[in-house]
């Protein structure tokens, strides 16, 4: 037997709003988990963790802009995206890490998610995305392995990271 539930808003028993539905049927979620940031102070010339020095959105205060670590406030799947300007000569490997280990996304082993080789004076826009399953308090970061060249970051947003909870 089919039934219809007609509501404009779903609430927790404590009174906090969890979800709304507008008259066109669009669902809105209150308190979404979203992070977006970029680095405008550091050009990376060596291996290490990338850090967003500027946070444009951090709805759950989940990102530490001193360490470059996002801490999942809730268990579930997170969509992660990173982009940067890589300047040669040399090569770069970029990977998402979960709890300080390279995340392979089920590919097995410690496969890097992105590899780029560049000649002298090349400037390449590189990007990667991944969906990462996390338990509450798991961490996510971007790890850079450079063999020549740099990841540009001075004075503008030629790089950035986005992470959001998808359920």
Foldseek 3Di string as FASTA:
>chain_A
DDDDDDDQFDDDPVGHTAWGADPVGDIDGPQWAKWKAFFAADKFDAWDFDAGCGTPDGSPPQADRVHQKGFAQAFAKKKKKKKFKWADQFKKFKAKDKQPAGDPQPPDDRDTQDMDHDDHGDIDIDMGIHIDGDHGGIMITMIMHTDGTITDRHPDGRMMMMMTGDD
